[in-house]
Amino acid sequence: MQTNPAPSTPAHASLVALGDSFTEGMSDLLPDGTYRGWADLLAARMAAVTPGFRYANLAVRGKLIQQIVDEQVDRAAAMGADVITLVGGLNDTLRPKCDMVRVRDLLTEAVERLAPNCKQLVLMRSPGRQGPVLERFRPRMEALFEVVDELAARHGAVVVDLYEAPALGDPRLWDADRLHLTGEGHRRVAEAVWQTLGYPAEDPEWHLPPDATLPPHWVARRVEDVRFARRHLLPWIGRRLTGRSSGDGLPPKRPELLPYETA
């Protein structure tokens, strides 16, 4: 009886991740107070199948697309990694005044500089938590994703579509700040990128939401809304009004392309 050969595992020897808090790993908090996130999870899985695998993560929370272009793109391009992931522009779309033409131009500049300097560029349609914030900014987000799709087609990049995944719109996979994924959310993103790069699926149903649970009581929801406003929304508004960022003064997460040791 003839059998089909097992699918080959891609041979990616290095990964560089660019972006903001999403790629830094907030809010996948580790016991030591640092963040892990989907890019670290992906790097660990790639390192497990590729001896000598190297990884850098230049992401810093709060960065706008201009800052990513200025501070991360040339540095990443010079590393000559097999895989580069670029996720940026979403913070811009959440600003009260957002020039989408400028965002498009900057994202185009980033892709044009990165694509020739890696074997595979990975772009994303970012996830969005279902709720009033997503509905308010949906037109800008979808305009950003149109740019992502166009650039990917033009430059041979692959696109990981997280926006259309039902699981990643589920509020249960988002942290209390309603801006960042939980650890389980990051695990699913890592699986999505893993599969997009051609690795065999470990969780074919990553895009499906968790099993249904009873919704919280009305009183509990209101208490959570008040807590969210006090701890997260008001400080976020304060930073917008004063021009500050949560990432001001923070260094890149993993600035050098070095061997990645798996635990």
Protein backbone atom coordinates (compact mmCIF):
# COMPACT_ATOMS: atom_id res chain seq x y z
CA MET A 1 0.00 0.00 0.00
CA GLN A 2 1.38 3.40 -0.96
CA THR A 3 1.56 6.02 1.77
CA ASN A 4 1.96 9.75 1.48
CA PRO A 5 5.25 11.16 2.81
CA ALA A 6 5.10 13.11 6.04
CA PRO A 7 5.06 16.89 5.50
CA SER A 8 8.51 18.44 5.79
CA THR A 9 9.23 20.86 8.59
CA PRO A 10 10.35 24.33 7.44
CA ALA A 11 13.98 25.20 8.11
CA HIS A 12 13.93 28.66 9.68
CA ALA A 13 17.12 29.35 11.60
CA SER A 14 16.29 32.82 12.95
CA LEU A 15 13.41 35.14 13.84
CA VAL A 16 13.20 38.89 14.46
CA ALA A 17 9.96 40.40 15.79
CA LEU A 18 9.08 44.11 15.45
CA GLY A 19 6.21 46.07 16.91
CA ASP A 20 4.54 47.36 20.04
CA SER A 21 2.95 45.86 23.17
CA PHE A 22 1.23 43.11 21.18
CA THR A 23 4.60 41.70 20.09
CA GLU A 24 6.31 42.53 23.38
CA GLY A 25 3.85 40.13 24.99
CA MET A 26 1.55 42.16 27.21
CA SER A 27 -0.39 40.83 29.17
CA ASP A 28 1.11 37.33 29.19
CA LEU A 29 2.74 37.91 32.58
CA LEU A 30 5.37 35.51 33.92
CA PRO A 31 6.03 34.92 37.66
CA ASP A 32 9.15 37.11 37.55
CA GLY A 33 7.12 40.09 36.35
CA THR A 34 8.27 40.00 32.72
CA TYR A 35 6.06 39.37 29.72
CA ARG A 36 6.25 36.33 27.46
CA GLY A 37 3.79 36.62 24.56
CA TRP A 38 3.24 34.98 21.21
CA ALA A 39 6.63 35.86 19.71
CA ASP A 40 8.52 34.18 22.58
CA LEU A 41 6.23 31.16 22.35
CA LEU A 42 6.80 30.96 18.60
CA ALA A 43 10.56 31.29 19.02
CA ALA A 44 10.59 28.47 21.57
CA ARG A 45 8.71 26.17 19.20
CA MET A 46 10.97 27.04 16.27
CA ALA A 47 14.07 26.55 18.41
CA ALA A 48 12.83 23.11 19.45
CA VAL A 49 12.97 21.90 15.83
CA THR A 50 16.00 23.89 14.60
CA PRO A 51 19.36 23.53 16.36
CA GLY A 52 21.17 26.83 16.80
CA PHE A 53 18.00 28.87 16.30
CA ARG A 54 18.42 32.61 16.98
CA TYR A 55 15.81 35.15 18.07
CA ALA A 56 15.51 38.90 18.61
CA ASN A 57 12.47 40.90 19.70
CA LEU A 58 12.71 44.65 19.17
CA ALA A 59 9.13 45.43 20.23
CA VAL A 60 8.39 48.10 22.83
CA ARG A 61 4.95 48.84 24.22
CA GLY A 62 3.15 51.98 23.04
CA LYS A 63 5.17 52.49 19.87
CA LEU A 64 3.55 54.21 16.89
CA ILE A 65 4.39 53.21 13.33
CA GLN A 66 6.77 56.19 12.93
CA GLN A 67 8.73 55.03 15.98
CA ILE A 68 8.82 51.44 14.72
CA VAL A 69 10.21 52.66 11.40
CA ASP A 70 12.76 54.95 13.06
CA GLU A 71 13.91 52.66 15.87
CA GLN A 72 13.38 49.07 14.74
CA VAL A 73 13.25 48.61 10.97
CA ASP A 74 16.87 49.27 9.96
CA ARG A 75 18.12 47.35 12.97
CA ALA A 76 16.01 44.34 12.01
CA ALA A 77 16.94 44.54 8.34
CA ALA A 78 20.63 44.46 9.22
CA MET A 79 20.21 41.21 11.14
CA GLY A 80 19.37 39.26 7.98
CA ALA A 81 17.00 36.87 9.73
CA ASP A 82 15.14 34.08 7.98
CA VAL A 83 11.79 35.34 9.34
CA ILE A 84 10.79 38.88 10.30
CA THR A 85 7.40 39.65 11.80
CA LEU A 86 6.06 43.20 11.60
CA VAL A 87 2.93 44.31 13.43
CA GLY A 88 2.42 48.06 13.69
CA GLY A 89 0.04 50.91 13.07
CA LEU A 90 -2.76 49.80 15.36
CA ASN A 91 -1.73 52.23 18.11
CA ASP A 92 -1.99 55.00 15.52
CA THR A 93 -5.57 54.03 14.64
CA LEU A 94 -6.56 54.38 18.30
CA ARG A 95 -5.39 58.00 18.51
CA PRO A 96 -8.12 60.68 18.28
CA LYS A 97 -6.33 62.24 15.32
CA CYS A 98 -4.94 59.65 12.95
CA ASP A 99 -3.61 60.38 9.47
CA MET A 100 -4.23 57.10 7.68
CA VAL A 101 -2.36 58.27 4.59
CA ARG A 102 0.74 58.80 6.71
CA VAL A 103 0.27 55.42 8.41
CA ARG A 104 0.02 53.79 5.00
CA ASP A 105 3.19 55.52 3.77
CA LEU A 106 5.17 54.54 6.85
CA LEU A 107 4.01 50.93 6.78
CA THR A 108 4.92 50.80 3.09
CA GLU A 109 8.38 52.16 3.89
CA ALA A 110 8.86 49.52 6.59
CA VAL A 111 7.84 46.64 4.32
CA GLU A 112 10.00 47.88 1.43
CA ARG A 113 13.04 47.96 3.72
CA LEU A 114 12.40 44.64 5.45
CA ALA A 115 11.20 42.36 2.65
CA PRO A 116 14.53 42.24 0.73
CA ASN A 117 16.44 41.48 3.93
CA CYS A 118 14.74 38.29 5.10
CA LYS A 119 13.60 35.01 3.62
CA GLN A 120 10.02 35.47 4.82
CA LEU A 121 8.27 38.61 6.01
CA VAL A 122 5.18 38.04 8.15
CA LEU A 123 2.46 40.69 8.48
CA MET A 124 -0.77 40.50 10.48
CA ARG A 125 -4.35 41.60 10.57
CA SER A 126 -4.43 42.28 14.32
CA PRO A 127 -7.16 40.93 16.59
CA GLY A 128 -9.82 43.16 18.10
CA ARG A 129 -11.83 42.59 21.26
CA GLN A 130 -15.55 42.62 20.58
CA GLY A 131 -17.19 45.65 22.14
CA PRO A 132 -17.80 49.39 21.72
CA VAL A 133 -14.11 50.29 21.34
CA LEU A 134 -13.74 47.95 18.37
CA GLU A 135 -16.89 49.31 16.75
CA ARG A 136 -15.67 52.88 17.10
CA PHE A 137 -12.29 52.22 15.50
CA ARG A 138 -13.25 49.40 13.12
CA PRO A 139 -13.16 51.57 9.93
CA ARG A 140 -9.58 52.66 10.64
CA MET A 141 -8.50 49.15 11.55
CA GLU A 142 -9.96 47.71 8.39
CA ALA A 143 -8.33 50.44 6.32
CA LEU A 144 -5.01 49.45 7.92
CA PHE A 145 -5.62 45.80 7.08
CA GLU A 146 -6.30 46.66 3.45
CA VAL A 147 -2.84 48.22 3.34
CA VAL A 148 -1.37 45.09 4.95
CA ASP A 149 -2.99 42.85 2.34
CA GLU A 150 -1.81 45.04 -0.53
CA LEU A 151 1.76 45.19 0.73
CA ALA A 152 1.89 41.45 1.33
CA ALA A 153 0.76 40.72 -2.22
CA ARG A 154 3.29 43.18 -3.64
CA HIS A 155 6.30 42.03 -1.63
CA GLY A 156 5.76 38.30 -1.13
CA ALA A 157 4.90 38.54 2.56
CA VAL A 158 2.43 36.24 4.29
CA VAL A 159 -0.50 37.59 6.31
CA VAL A 160 -1.73 36.01 9.54
CA ASP A 161 -5.42 36.87 9.78
CA LEU A 162 -6.20 37.23 13.47
CA TYR A 163 -8.96 39.77 12.92
CA GLU A 164 -11.36 37.23 11.46
CA ALA A 165 -10.66 34.55 14.09
CA PRO A 166 -13.72 34.26 16.38
CA ALA A 167 -11.60 33.20 19.34
CA LEU A 168 -9.53 36.37 19.35
CA GLY A 169 -12.58 38.61 19.45
CA ASP A 170 -13.87 36.80 22.54
CA PRO A 171 -13.53 39.09 25.62
CA ARG A 172 -12.52 36.06 27.70
CA LEU A 173 -9.18 35.97 25.87
CA TRP A 174 -8.42 39.60 26.73
CA ASP A 175 -6.86 40.98 29.89
CA ALA A 176 -8.64 43.32 32.30
CA ASP A 177 -7.20 46.34 30.47
CA ARG A 178 -9.21 45.28 27.37
CA LEU A 179 -6.22 46.16 25.18
CA HIS A 180 -4.00 43.09 25.49
CA LEU A 181 -4.50 39.36 25.11
CA THR A 182 -4.25 36.89 27.96
CA GLY A 183 -1.69 34.11 27.95
CA GLU A 184 -4.19 31.84 26.21
CA GLY A 185 -4.75 34.49 23.56
CA HIS A 186 -1.01 34.75 22.93
CA ARG A 187 -0.76 30.96 22.69
CA ARG A 188 -3.35 30.99 19.93
CA VAL A 189 -1.53 33.76 18.05
CA ALA A 190 1.70 31.77 18.22
CA GLU A 191 -0.14 28.76 16.79
CA ALA A 192 -1.56 30.88 13.98
CA VAL A 193 1.86 32.22 12.97
CA TRP A 194 3.39 28.74 13.32
CA GLN A 195 0.87 27.29 10.88
CA THR A 196 1.17 30.23 8.47
CA LEU A 197 4.92 29.61 8.26
CA GLY A 198 4.18 26.05 7.18
CA TYR A 199 4.77 24.09 10.37
CA PRO A 200 2.41 21.19 11.17
CA ALA A 201 -0.60 22.24 13.23
CA GLU A 202 -0.56 21.46 16.93
CA ASP A 203 -3.96 23.09 17.51
CA PRO A 204 -6.03 23.07 14.30
CA GLU A 205 -8.90 24.76 16.14
CA TRP A 206 -6.94 27.71 17.54
CA HIS A 207 -9.36 30.11 15.83
CA LEU A 208 -12.47 28.70 17.57
CA PRO A 209 -13.68 30.39 20.78
CA PRO A 210 -13.52 28.62 24.14
CA ASP A 211 -16.49 26.59 25.28
CA ALA A 212 -19.49 28.68 26.27
CA THR A 213 -19.73 29.85 29.87
CA LEU A 214 -22.44 31.68 31.77
CA PRO A 215 -22.09 35.46 31.36
CA PRO A 216 -21.23 37.41 34.52
CA HIS A 217 -24.08 38.96 36.47
CA TRP A 218 -25.05 42.55 35.62
CA VAL A 219 -23.69 43.86 38.93
CA ALA A 220 -20.36 42.08 38.39
CA ARG A 221 -20.08 43.61 34.91
CA ARG A 222 -20.69 47.11 36.24
CA VAL A 223 -18.11 46.64 39.00
CA GLU A 224 -15.61 45.47 36.39
CA ASP A 225 -16.42 48.47 34.19
CA VAL A 226 -15.66 50.86 37.06
CA ARG A 227 -12.43 49.03 37.89
CA PHE A 228 -11.39 49.11 34.23
CA ALA A 229 -12.04 52.85 33.96
CA ARG A 230 -10.05 53.65 37.11
CA ARG A 231 -7.07 51.35 36.53
CA HIS A 232 -6.71 51.40 32.77
CA LEU A 233 -8.90 53.84 30.83
CA LEU A 234 -8.15 57.03 32.77
CA PRO A 235 -4.35 56.49 32.79
CA TRP A 236 -4.50 55.72 29.05
CA ILE A 237 -6.42 58.95 28.39
CA GLY A 238 -3.92 60.86 30.56
CA ARG A 239 -1.01 59.60 28.47
CA ARG A 240 -2.78 60.58 25.25
CA LEU A 241 -3.45 64.11 26.54
CA THR A 242 0.14 64.65 27.66
CA GLY A 243 1.82 62.98 24.69
CA ARG A 244 3.41 60.28 26.83
CA SER A 245 3.67 56.58 26.04
CA SER A 246 3.78 53.52 28.28
CA GLY A 247 6.99 52.56 26.50
CA ASP A 248 8.88 55.81 27.03
CA GLY A 249 12.43 55.00 28.10
CA LEU A 250 12.07 51.23 27.81
CA PRO A 251 14.64 49.24 25.83
CA PRO A 252 13.71 46.59 23.24
CA LYS A 253 12.69 43.29 24.75
CA ARG A 254 15.49 41.21 23.19
CA PRO A 255 17.71 43.58 21.19
CA GLU A 256 20.27 41.14 19.79
CA LEU A 257 19.82 38.18 17.45
CA LEU A 258 21.15 35.48 19.76
CA PRO A 259 20.68 31.73 20.23
CA TYR A 260 17.36 31.04 21.93
CA GLU A 261 17.59 28.49 24.70
CA THR A 262 14.42 26.50 25.32
CA ALA A 263 13.58 25.53 28.88
